[in-house]
Protein backbone atom coordinates (compact mmCIF):
# COMPACT_ATOMS: atom_id res chain seq x y z
CA MET A 1 0.55 12.54 -12.73
CA HIS A 2 2.07 9.43 -11.97
CA GLN A 3 2.78 6.25 -10.27
CA LEU A 4 5.09 4.67 -8.58
CA ILE A 5 4.98 0.79 -7.26
CA TYR A 6 7.39 -0.73 -4.82
CA PHE A 7 8.40 -3.73 -2.46
CA SER A 8 10.03 -3.71 0.53
CA ARG A 9 10.78 -6.94 3.00
CA ASN A 10 9.49 -5.77 6.41
CA THR A 11 12.31 -5.66 9.38
CA MET A 12 9.94 -4.95 12.21
CA SER A 13 9.63 -7.41 15.28
CA GLY A 14 7.16 -7.15 18.45
CA ASP A 15 3.77 -5.64 17.66
CA LEU A 16 3.06 -5.27 13.92
CA LEU A 17 0.01 -3.73 14.12
CA LYS A 18 1.21 -0.52 16.19
CA GLY A 19 4.25 -0.37 13.49
CA LEU A 20 1.62 -0.39 10.51
CA LYS A 21 -0.06 2.03 12.50
CA GLU A 22 2.23 4.69 13.21
CA ILE A 23 3.87 4.19 9.49
CA LEU A 24 0.27 5.37 8.34
CA GLY A 25 -0.14 7.54 10.46
CA VAL A 26 3.43 9.50 9.46
CA SER A 27 2.63 8.85 5.51
CA GLN A 28 -0.89 10.20 6.05
CA ARG A 29 0.23 13.68 7.51
CA ASN A 30 2.94 13.98 5.05
CA ASN A 31 1.29 12.59 1.58
CA GLN A 32 -1.30 15.48 2.50
CA ARG A 33 1.42 18.20 2.62
CA ASP A 34 2.48 16.59 -0.77
CA GLY A 35 -0.41 15.86 -2.69
CA VAL A 36 0.67 12.10 -2.89
CA THR A 37 -2.06 9.05 -2.43
CA GLY A 38 -1.53 5.42 -2.42
CA SER A 39 -1.93 2.50 -0.60
CA LEU A 40 0.05 0.06 1.51
CA ILE A 41 -0.33 -3.27 1.53
CA PHE A 42 1.40 -5.64 4.49
CA ASP A 43 1.86 -8.83 5.52
CA LYS A 44 4.32 -10.19 8.07
CA VAL A 45 7.25 -10.46 5.27
CA TRP A 46 6.46 -7.77 2.72
CA PHE A 47 5.56 -4.30 1.78
CA LEU A 48 3.51 -3.32 -1.28
CA GLN A 49 3.07 0.60 -1.73
CA ILE A 50 1.29 2.51 -4.43
CA LEU A 51 2.58 6.56 -4.67
CA GLU A 52 0.46 8.82 -6.50
CA GLY A 53 0.80 12.19 -7.60
CA ASN A 54 3.81 14.56 -8.91
CA LEU A 55 6.68 12.60 -10.35
CA GLU A 56 9.31 14.02 -8.67
CA ILE A 57 7.61 14.59 -5.38
CA ILE A 58 6.86 10.90 -5.70
CA GLN A 59 10.29 10.00 -6.57
CA ALA A 60 11.31 11.92 -3.34
CA THR A 61 9.07 10.53 -1.34
CA TYR A 62 10.15 7.03 -2.38
CA LYS A 63 13.85 8.15 -1.72
CA ARG A 64 12.68 8.87 2.24
CA ILE A 65 10.89 5.46 2.70
CA GLU A 66 13.88 3.93 1.34
CA LYS A 67 15.77 4.69 3.90
CA ASP A 68 13.62 3.71 6.81
CA SER A 69 15.38 1.22 9.30
CA ARG A 70 11.62 -0.90 9.08
CA HIS A 71 12.25 -3.00 6.00
CA ARG A 72 15.28 -3.84 3.45
CA GLU A 73 15.60 -4.33 -0.10
CA ALA A 74 12.94 -1.76 -1.13
CA THR A 75 12.59 -2.22 -5.02
CA VAL A 76 10.99 -0.02 -7.99
CA MET A 77 8.18 -2.69 -10.03
CA THR A 78 6.95 0.74 -12.19
CA VAL A 79 6.77 3.78 -12.42
CA ARG A 80 4.45 4.96 -14.88
CA PRO A 81 2.03 8.40 -15.91
CA LEU A 82 -1.51 8.33 -14.58
CA ILE A 83 -4.30 9.97 -16.23
CA GLN A 84 -6.02 10.40 -12.99
CA ARG A 85 -5.30 8.97 -9.34
CA GLN A 86 -6.74 5.63 -8.23
CA PHE A 87 -6.91 6.37 -5.08
CA PRO A 88 -7.64 9.83 -5.15
CA ASP A 89 -9.31 9.71 -1.60
CA TRP A 90 -6.48 7.88 0.51
CA GLY A 91 -3.95 9.94 1.37
CA MET A 92 -2.27 6.62 2.11
CA GLY A 93 -4.55 3.62 2.58
CA GLY A 94 -3.24 0.41 5.11
CA LEU A 95 -4.45 -2.50 4.11
CA LEU A 96 -2.80 -5.82 6.64
CA ARG A 97 -3.36 -9.46 5.10
CA SER A 98 -5.64 -11.09 7.31
CA PRO A 99 -8.04 -14.18 7.48
CA ASP A 100 -10.99 -11.88 6.37
CA VAL A 101 -9.52 -10.23 3.25
CA GLN A 102 -7.73 -13.49 1.90
CA GLU A 103 -10.31 -14.62 -0.96
CA ILE A 104 -9.39 -11.32 -2.50
CA PHE A 105 -5.81 -12.19 -1.94
CA LEU A 106 -6.82 -15.68 -3.30
CA SER A 107 -8.95 -14.11 -6.45
CA HIS A 108 -5.02 -12.65 -7.75
CA GLY A 109 -3.59 -15.63 -7.74
CA ILE A 110 -2.09 -15.04 -4.22
CA GLY A 111 -2.65 -18.16 -2.10
CA GLY A 112 -0.03 -18.77 0.39
CA GLU A 113 3.12 -16.49 1.45
CA MET A 114 2.88 -13.35 -0.63
CA ASP A 115 6.09 -12.86 -3.12
CA PRO A 116 6.11 -9.74 -4.90
CA ARG A 117 9.22 -10.30 -6.66
CA LYS A 118 6.81 -12.51 -8.98
CA LEU A 119 3.42 -10.27 -9.40
CA HIS A 120 3.48 -7.87 -11.64
CA ALA A 121 2.87 -4.01 -10.79
CA ALA A 122 -0.75 -4.72 -12.49
CA THR A 123 -1.81 -6.82 -10.10
CA VAL A 124 -0.72 -5.05 -7.30
CA VAL A 125 -2.75 -2.32 -8.22
CA ASP A 126 -6.13 -4.28 -8.68
CA LEU A 127 -5.08 -6.32 -5.45
CA ALA A 128 -5.19 -3.20 -3.97
CA LEU A 129 -8.22 -1.51 -5.45
CA ASP A 130 -9.95 -4.54 -4.23
CA LEU A 131 -9.06 -4.56 -0.47
CA LYS A 132 -9.78 -0.91 -0.98
CA ALA A 133 -13.41 -1.49 -1.99
CA PHE A 134 -13.33 -4.51 0.69
CA ASP A 135 -12.62 -1.65 3.21
CA GLN A 136 -15.00 0.83 2.46
CA ARG A 137 -18.07 -2.10 2.24
CA LYS A 138 -16.85 -3.12 5.82
CA ARG A 139 -16.94 0.54 7.02
CA SER A 140 -20.48 1.58 5.36
CA ASP A 141 -21.75 -1.76 6.75
CA ILE A 142 -20.36 -0.69 10.15
CA CYS A 143 -21.96 2.92 9.92
CA LYS A 144 -25.52 1.21 9.12
CA ALA A 145 -25.10 -1.12 12.15
CA SER A 146 -24.52 2.34 14.05
C-alpha cells in the first residue's frame, strides 16, 4: 500500500463546480475499478490530490491524470508506503475550497491563496483529513435534520 500526493495548476474555465463534479465522477468510477482511494482538494487555481493503493496502480493513475488537459504543471510531492489507507471509504472525495471551510485552511496555515509549492505533504494529508471530517459532520447534520 502506497500514497502518492501531487499538485497541479487548474486550466479549466467556465463552470468550475461542474468541471469538478465531472472529474470526481470519472475518478470515482476508475478508482473503484482499480482499488484506489484518496482525496481531491480544489480551489480556483490549484488541485491537490492524494492517491492511495497499489504502487504500480497509483503511478499508472497519476500518469493518466498527468495527461489531462484540465490542468498543467503536475508535480509529485511524495510517494510513500502506508500501513493502512487514510481515506479507505473515499473512492475519491472532492473538496472545494469555500467560505464554510476557510477556518480549516487557516488552521493549516493557509490564509490567502493556496500555494501547494510551499506546503509539506503531511500538511496536505492533515488538511484533507480535516476537510473530510467536516464533510462527514455536515452530511450527518443534514441526515439528522431530515
